[in-house]
Amino acid sequence: MRVFRHPDEYSASDRGAVVALGNFDGFHRGHQVVIGEAGRLARDMGVHLTVVVTEPHPVSFFAPHVPPFRLTPFRERAQLLEAFGVDQLLVLPFDKNLAGLSAQDFVNDILVDAIGAVHVCVGYDYRFGNGRGGGTDVLAWMGEMEGFGLSVIQPVTVGLEGYAGDVYSSTLVRKALQNGQARKAAALLGHWWSINGRVCEGDQRGRTIGFPTANLELGESLQPKLGVYAVRVTIENESKIYNGVANIGNRPTFDKNDVMLEVHLFDFDSDLYNKHVRVQLVAFLREEKKFDGLESLKSQIAQDSRVAKIVLAEPENDADRLEAPTLDLYLKLFPKPHVRAR
């Protein structure tokens, strides 16, 4: 996947594409329909499949003091899109210039002049341009004038218990994670939700009690329900998947206040400091609590590890139960255009 940081980076050979527009935070099953239908058309037309996103998220620009809410910060979102089969990713810097760009200028300057879009795919509620003044009606009108087609994906509804009839959305996924429903969040996403980051130096207290941990800051990632989770971990440049147990919290036993992710990998004794890791949350085990000393903490971690191993061995939590979303898989599941695309 080629990543463009500015429309001016496009050359003549890069132009001509089916373009999916949106933020795609979380890349949930609804997002996969939008990009999947764009991919179907791109293959039929023999052109690039291009996704256009903004960075930072517009909410972060207009309300910089809101707590972190991102399901997939840029690195994770880019990895998911590349794995899906996206050819080109245009990352527009969301600043005052882009925020002030009219809907018509956005279409002319970016979709037409830079990318050379032959078709555009968006969700039913997509808005763009200064003051969110543009929507699917503007895209349809300008598509007729500029010669590109438009597909609007109507609401894709959920069939999961407790969510039946709801529309797939990043908000639903955030709610599930904040309630500690990691497995339900994964079902909404169609892939395991993960926290990604570079392992930083901690207090190194875990190794003194026989449970060394890798420590990550949450950064831009949403803060899920605090507590202990069964997790799976991958390390940069490695294909092996490690099972483990993790605590997300402020470590009240040691009077800490900042929220940190501490993960203990089973059957692992190498140094992870400064390496980039991906920690998949598989199941919530218990809430965080304060212990009266290291021995009681050590005993609890041993118990948590035993429970985590049992949970991770359950069929519904198998690493392969949720296949990584790809365009090939999408087209296999939906051999005909999605019934909600028009």
Protein backbone atom coordinates (compact mmCIF):
# COMPACT_ATOMS: atom_id res chain seq x y z
CA MET A 1 0.00 0.00 0.00
CA ARG A 2 1.32 3.41 -0.96
CA VAL A 3 0.76 6.18 1.57
CA PHE A 4 0.41 9.76 0.35
CA ARG A 5 0.69 12.60 2.81
CA HIS A 6 -0.46 15.33 0.43
CA PRO A 7 -2.51 15.42 -2.78
CA ASP A 8 0.43 17.04 -4.59
CA GLU A 9 2.36 13.75 -4.25
CA TYR A 10 0.14 12.08 -6.87
CA SER A 11 1.72 11.50 -10.29
CA ALA A 12 -0.09 10.76 -13.54
CA SER A 13 0.35 7.01 -13.05
CA ASP A 14 -1.17 7.20 -9.56
CA ARG A 15 -4.37 8.83 -10.79
CA GLY A 16 -7.60 7.05 -11.59
CA ALA A 17 -9.20 5.30 -8.64
CA VAL A 18 -12.30 4.16 -6.86
CA VAL A 19 -12.20 6.20 -3.66
CA ALA A 20 -13.65 5.34 -0.25
CA LEU A 21 -14.12 8.38 1.99
CA GLY A 22 -14.40 8.32 5.79
CA ASN A 23 -12.48 8.21 9.05
CA PHE A 24 -12.85 4.43 9.43
CA ASP A 25 -11.84 4.54 13.11
CA GLY A 26 -11.85 0.94 14.27
CA PHE A 27 -12.40 -0.40 10.74
CA HIS A 28 -15.54 -2.20 11.94
CA ARG A 29 -17.86 -4.37 9.85
CA GLY A 30 -19.79 -1.35 8.55
CA HIS A 31 -16.57 0.27 7.35
CA GLN A 32 -15.62 -3.00 5.67
CA VAL A 33 -18.77 -2.83 3.55
CA VAL A 34 -17.92 0.69 2.34
CA ILE A 35 -14.34 -0.21 1.42
CA GLY A 36 -15.33 -3.69 0.26
CA GLU A 37 -17.80 -2.29 -2.28
CA ALA A 38 -15.17 0.24 -3.39
CA GLY A 39 -12.74 -2.64 -3.82
CA ARG A 40 -15.26 -4.64 -5.87
CA LEU A 41 -15.68 -1.71 -8.26
CA ALA A 42 -11.92 -1.04 -8.41
CA ARG A 43 -11.28 -4.63 -9.46
CA ASP A 44 -14.05 -4.53 -12.05
CA MET A 45 -12.68 -1.29 -13.49
CA GLY A 46 -9.01 -2.24 -13.21
CA VAL A 47 -8.10 0.87 -11.21
CA HIS A 48 -6.59 1.67 -7.81
CA LEU A 49 -8.55 1.14 -4.59
CA THR A 50 -7.90 4.36 -2.70
CA VAL A 51 -8.96 5.35 0.81
CA VAL A 52 -8.91 8.98 1.95
CA VAL A 53 -8.70 9.75 5.68
CA THR A 54 -7.67 12.72 7.81
CA GLU A 55 -5.08 12.91 10.55
CA PRO A 56 -5.58 13.91 13.27
CA HIS A 57 -9.22 12.98 13.68
CA PRO A 58 -11.41 16.10 13.24
CA VAL A 59 -12.66 15.77 16.83
CA SER A 60 -9.07 16.08 18.06
CA PHE A 61 -8.68 19.26 16.02
CA PHE A 62 -11.88 20.96 17.12
CA ALA A 63 -11.87 19.63 20.72
CA PRO A 64 -8.22 18.88 21.61
CA HIS A 65 -8.95 18.44 25.31
CA VAL A 66 -11.38 15.53 25.03
CA PRO A 67 -10.06 12.25 26.50
CA PRO A 68 -8.44 9.82 24.03
CA PHE A 69 -11.17 8.07 22.04
CA ARG A 70 -9.42 6.51 19.05
CA LEU A 71 -10.06 2.82 18.42
CA THR A 72 -7.30 2.70 15.83
CA PRO A 73 -4.63 5.40 15.94
CA PHE A 74 -2.95 5.99 12.58
CA ARG A 75 -0.43 3.14 12.64
CA GLU A 76 -3.01 0.49 13.50
CA ARG A 77 -5.60 1.84 11.06
CA ALA A 78 -3.03 1.88 8.23
CA GLN A 79 -2.03 -1.71 8.98
CA LEU A 80 -5.66 -2.86 8.88
CA LEU A 81 -6.31 -1.07 5.58
CA GLU A 82 -3.16 -2.48 4.01
CA ALA A 83 -4.04 -6.00 5.15
CA PHE A 84 -7.52 -5.55 3.67
CA GLY A 85 -6.04 -4.87 0.25
CA VAL A 86 -6.14 -1.09 -0.15
CA ASP A 87 -3.74 0.11 -2.86
CA GLN A 88 -3.43 3.76 -1.88
CA LEU A 89 -4.00 5.67 1.36
CA LEU A 90 -4.20 9.44 1.18
CA VAL A 91 -3.78 10.99 4.63
CA LEU A 92 -4.99 14.58 4.61
CA PRO A 93 -3.57 16.76 7.40
CA PHE A 94 -6.61 18.06 9.25
CA ASP A 95 -5.74 21.68 9.97
CA LYS A 96 -7.44 25.05 9.66
CA ASN A 97 -6.92 25.04 5.89
CA LEU A 98 -8.67 21.71 5.38
CA ALA A 99 -11.33 22.60 7.96
CA GLY A 100 -12.08 25.78 5.99
CA LEU A 101 -12.19 24.11 2.57
CA SER A 102 -15.64 24.17 1.01
CA ALA A 103 -17.28 20.92 -0.01
CA GLN A 104 -17.07 21.90 -3.68
CA ASP A 105 -13.36 22.73 -3.44
CA PHE A 106 -12.72 19.44 -1.61
CA VAL A 107 -14.25 17.53 -4.50
CA ASN A 108 -12.51 19.56 -7.20
CA ASP A 109 -9.07 19.88 -5.61
CA ILE A 110 -8.70 16.43 -4.06
CA LEU A 111 -11.06 13.93 -5.65
CA VAL A 112 -10.95 15.24 -9.21
CA ASP A 113 -7.70 17.15 -9.76
CA ALA A 114 -5.36 15.14 -7.51
CA ILE A 115 -6.74 11.59 -7.43
CA GLY A 116 -8.72 11.50 -10.64
CA ALA A 117 -11.56 9.58 -9.00
CA VAL A 118 -13.72 7.53 -11.34
CA HIS A 119 -16.10 6.44 -8.57
CA VAL A 120 -16.63 7.35 -4.91
CA CYS A 121 -18.01 5.16 -2.10
CA VAL A 122 -19.26 6.62 1.19
CA GLY A 123 -21.46 5.72 4.10
CA TYR A 124 -24.99 7.12 4.25
CA ASP A 125 -24.03 9.69 6.91
CA TYR A 126 -20.76 10.94 5.44
CA ARG A 127 -20.22 14.69 5.82
CA PHE A 128 -17.35 16.83 4.58
CA GLY A 129 -16.25 20.37 3.83
CA ASN A 130 -16.38 23.58 5.82
CA GLY A 131 -18.98 23.29 8.57
CA ARG A 132 -19.77 19.74 7.41
CA GLY A 133 -21.65 21.42 4.59
CA GLY A 134 -21.26 18.58 2.12
CA GLY A 135 -22.99 15.22 2.09
CA THR A 136 -24.09 12.52 -0.30
CA ASP A 137 -26.33 14.99 -2.16
CA VAL A 138 -23.36 17.24 -2.93
CA LEU A 139 -21.26 14.26 -4.02
CA ALA A 140 -24.04 13.05 -6.34
CA TRP A 141 -24.49 16.50 -7.86
CA MET A 142 -20.78 17.07 -8.39
CA GLY A 143 -20.28 13.53 -9.66
CA GLU A 144 -22.72 14.28 -12.46
CA MET A 145 -20.81 17.45 -13.32
CA GLU A 146 -17.30 16.03 -13.01
CA GLY A 147 -17.91 12.57 -14.39
CA PHE A 148 -17.46 10.23 -11.44
CA GLY A 149 -19.93 7.70 -10.07
CA LEU A 150 -21.21 7.47 -6.50
CA SER A 151 -22.20 4.55 -4.26
CA VAL A 152 -23.86 5.34 -0.94
CA ILE A 153 -23.82 2.47 1.56
CA GLN A 154 -27.02 2.47 3.57
CA PRO A 155 -26.99 1.54 7.30
CA VAL A 156 -25.56 -1.92 8.01
CA THR A 157 -27.33 -3.35 11.06
CA VAL A 158 -26.00 -5.61 13.78
CA GLY A 159 -27.35 -9.07 14.55
CA LEU A 160 -25.58 -9.58 17.88
CA GLU A 161 -27.42 -10.15 21.15
CA GLY A 162 -27.95 -6.84 22.91
CA TYR A 163 -27.30 -4.86 19.73
CA ALA A 164 -29.82 -6.37 17.29
CA GLY A 165 -31.11 -3.70 14.95
CA ASP A 166 -28.45 -1.16 15.89
CA VAL A 167 -26.25 0.22 13.12
CA TYR A 168 -22.57 -0.71 13.16
CA SER A 169 -20.63 2.27 14.48
CA SER A 170 -17.43 3.17 16.26
CA THR A 171 -19.58 4.41 19.15
CA LEU A 172 -20.98 0.89 19.71
CA VAL A 173 -17.47 -0.55 19.80
CA ARG A 174 -16.28 2.07 22.28
CA LYS A 175 -19.28 1.32 24.52
CA ALA A 176 -18.50 -2.40 24.49
CA LEU A 177 -14.84 -1.82 25.39
CA GLN A 178 -15.68 0.63 28.15
CA ASN A 179 -18.01 -2.04 29.59
CA GLY A 180 -15.23 -4.63 29.50
CA GLN A 181 -16.91 -6.60 26.68
CA ALA A 182 -13.78 -7.33 24.68
CA ARG A 183 -15.23 -10.33 22.85
CA LYS A 184 -18.35 -8.39 21.84
CA ALA A 185 -16.20 -5.50 20.62
CA ALA A 186 -14.28 -7.98 18.47
CA ALA A 187 -17.54 -9.31 17.03
CA LEU A 188 -18.62 -5.76 16.12
CA LEU A 189 -15.23 -5.04 14.57
CA GLY A 190 -14.78 -8.33 12.77
CA HIS A 191 -11.24 -8.46 14.18
CA TRP A 192 -9.67 -8.42 17.63
CA TRP A 193 -9.26 -4.96 19.13
CA SER A 194 -5.71 -4.16 20.11
CA ILE A 195 -3.57 -1.56 21.81
CA ASN A 196 -0.37 -0.85 19.95
CA GLY A 197 2.74 0.86 21.17
CA ARG A 198 6.40 0.80 21.93
CA VAL A 199 7.39 -0.91 25.16
CA CYS A 200 8.61 1.68 27.63
CA GLU A 201 10.65 1.36 30.79
CA GLY A 202 8.60 0.61 33.89
CA ASP A 203 9.43 0.12 37.56
CA GLN A 204 10.79 -3.38 36.76
CA ARG A 205 8.96 -4.61 39.83
CA GLY A 206 7.34 -7.54 38.03
CA ARG A 207 10.59 -9.38 37.42
CA THR A 208 11.38 -9.30 41.14
CA ILE A 209 8.25 -11.38 41.87
CA GLY A 210 8.60 -13.73 38.93
CA PHE A 211 6.16 -12.02 36.54
CA PRO A 212 8.10 -9.65 34.25
CA THR A 213 5.87 -7.27 32.31
CA ALA A 214 6.07 -5.18 29.18
CA ASN A 215 4.71 -1.70 29.82
CA LEU A 216 2.85 0.44 27.29
CA GLU A 217 1.25 3.85 27.50
CA LEU A 218 -2.23 4.04 25.97
CA GLY A 219 -1.37 7.20 24.04
CA GLU A 220 -4.19 8.13 21.67
CA SER A 221 -6.00 4.84 22.19
CA LEU A 222 -9.35 4.66 23.92
CA GLN A 223 -9.15 3.69 27.58
CA PRO A 224 -11.17 0.49 27.95
CA LYS A 225 -12.59 -0.70 31.25
CA LEU A 226 -9.76 -0.84 33.78
CA GLY A 227 -8.84 -4.27 35.01
CA VAL A 228 -7.19 -7.54 34.08
CA TYR A 229 -7.53 -9.15 30.64
CA ALA A 230 -6.54 -12.34 28.86
CA VAL A 231 -4.52 -11.14 25.87
CA ARG A 232 -2.60 -12.19 22.81
CA VAL A 233 0.53 -10.34 21.77
CA THR A 234 2.55 -9.99 18.59
CA ILE A 235 5.97 -8.38 18.40
CA GLU A 236 7.23 -6.32 15.49
CA ASN A 237 9.00 -8.37 12.82
CA GLU A 238 7.83 -11.64 14.38
CA SER A 239 5.04 -13.93 13.21
CA LYS A 240 4.63 -15.83 16.47
CA ILE A 241 1.63 -15.06 18.67
CA TYR A 242 2.13 -15.08 22.44
CA ASN A 243 -0.57 -15.59 25.05
CA GLY A 244 -0.54 -13.53 28.20
CA VAL A 245 -2.35 -11.67 30.93
CA ALA A 246 -2.48 -7.89 31.20
CA ASN A 247 -3.51 -5.21 33.65
CA ILE A 248 -4.84 -1.87 32.45
CA GLY A 249 -4.99 0.60 35.29
CA ASN A 250 -3.21 2.97 37.62
CA ARG A 251 -1.66 0.29 39.88
CA PRO A 252 -3.25 1.31 43.20
CA THR A 253 -1.07 -1.13 45.16
CA PHE A 254 1.87 1.18 44.42
CA ASP A 255 -0.08 4.46 44.65
CA LYS A 256 0.28 5.26 40.95
CA ASN A 257 -2.08 7.62 39.16
CA ASP A 258 -1.27 7.32 35.45
CA VAL A 259 -3.00 4.57 33.47
CA MET A 260 -0.62 1.99 32.03
CA LEU A 261 -0.93 -1.31 30.20
CA GLU A 262 1.26 -3.99 31.80
CA VAL A 263 1.36 -7.33 30.03
CA HIS A 264 2.98 -10.58 31.17
CA LEU A 265 3.68 -13.06 28.36
CA PHE A 266 3.56 -16.77 29.08
CA ASP A 267 6.68 -18.79 28.25
CA PHE A 268 8.69 -15.75 27.24
CA ASP A 269 11.95 -14.51 28.73
CA SER A 270 13.45 -12.06 26.19
CA ASP A 271 13.81 -8.30 26.52
CA LEU A 272 11.01 -6.31 24.86
CA TYR A 273 12.15 -2.83 25.84
CA ASN A 274 11.72 -0.31 23.00
CA LYS A 275 10.08 -2.86 20.69
CA HIS A 276 6.70 -2.22 19.10
CA VAL A 277 4.03 -4.69 20.18
CA ARG A 278 0.35 -5.26 19.51
CA VAL A 279 -1.75 -6.40 22.46
CA GLN A 280 -5.12 -7.91 21.57
CA LEU A 281 -7.73 -7.78 24.31
CA VAL A 282 -9.55 -11.12 24.27
CA ALA A 283 -11.51 -11.31 27.54
CA PHE A 284 -12.02 -9.25 30.68
CA LEU A 285 -11.12 -11.26 33.81
CA ARG A 286 -11.60 -8.98 36.80
CA GLU A 287 -11.51 -5.39 37.97
CA GLU A 288 -8.31 -3.83 39.23
CA LYS A 289 -7.86 -3.82 42.99
CA LYS A 290 -5.37 -2.80 45.65
CA PHE A 291 -3.33 -5.48 47.45
CA ASP A 292 -1.78 -5.32 50.89
CA GLY A 293 1.68 -6.45 49.73
CA LEU A 294 3.79 -8.10 47.06
CA GLU A 295 3.00 -11.66 48.18
CA SER A 296 -0.76 -11.22 47.79
CA LEU A 297 -0.19 -9.50 44.44
CA LYS A 298 2.06 -12.35 43.31
CA SER A 299 -0.56 -14.91 44.30
CA GLN A 300 -3.28 -13.03 42.40
CA ILE A 301 -1.17 -12.74 39.23
CA ALA A 302 -0.55 -16.49 39.34
CA GLN A 303 -4.31 -17.05 39.62
CA ASP A 304 -5.03 -14.56 36.82
CA SER A 305 -2.51 -16.37 34.62
CA ARG A 306 -4.22 -19.71 35.20
CA VAL A 307 -7.61 -18.25 34.36
CA ALA A 308 -6.27 -16.47 31.29
CA LYS A 309 -4.82 -19.70 29.91
CA ILE A 310 -8.19 -21.41 30.31
CA VAL A 311 -10.06 -18.52 28.68
CA LEU A 312 -7.65 -18.28 25.76
CA ALA A 313 -8.08 -21.99 25.10
CA GLU A 314 -11.85 -21.66 24.66
CA PRO A 315 -12.96 -22.18 21.03
CA GLU A 316 -14.73 -18.80 20.80
CA ASN A 317 -11.48 -17.07 21.74
CA ASP A 318 -9.29 -18.93 19.27
CA ALA A 319 -6.88 -16.63 17.47
CA ASP A 320 -8.17 -17.78 14.07
CA ARG A 321 -11.87 -17.57 14.91
CA LEU A 322 -11.99 -14.06 13.50
CA GLU A 323 -10.24 -14.08 10.14
CA ALA A 324 -8.38 -10.86 9.43
CA PRO A 325 -10.67 -8.80 7.18
CA THR A 326 -9.50 -8.79 3.57
CA LEU A 327 -11.05 -7.79 0.29
CA ASP A 328 -10.82 -11.37 -0.96
CA LEU A 329 -12.73 -12.60 2.09
CA TYR A 330 -15.33 -9.84 1.72
CA LEU A 331 -15.95 -10.72 -1.93
CA LYS A 332 -16.18 -14.40 -1.01
CA LEU A 333 -18.81 -13.68 1.64
CA PHE A 334 -20.68 -11.24 -0.64
CA PRO A 335 -20.20 -12.46 -4.23
CA LYS A 336 -22.85 -10.01 -5.40
CA PRO A 337 -22.88 -6.28 -4.60
CA HIS A 338 -24.03 -5.66 -1.07
CA VAL A 339 -27.80 -5.34 -0.88
CA ARG A 340 -27.49 -2.01 0.88
CA ALA A 341 -25.24 -0.43 -1.72
CA ARG A 342 -26.86 1.71 -4.40
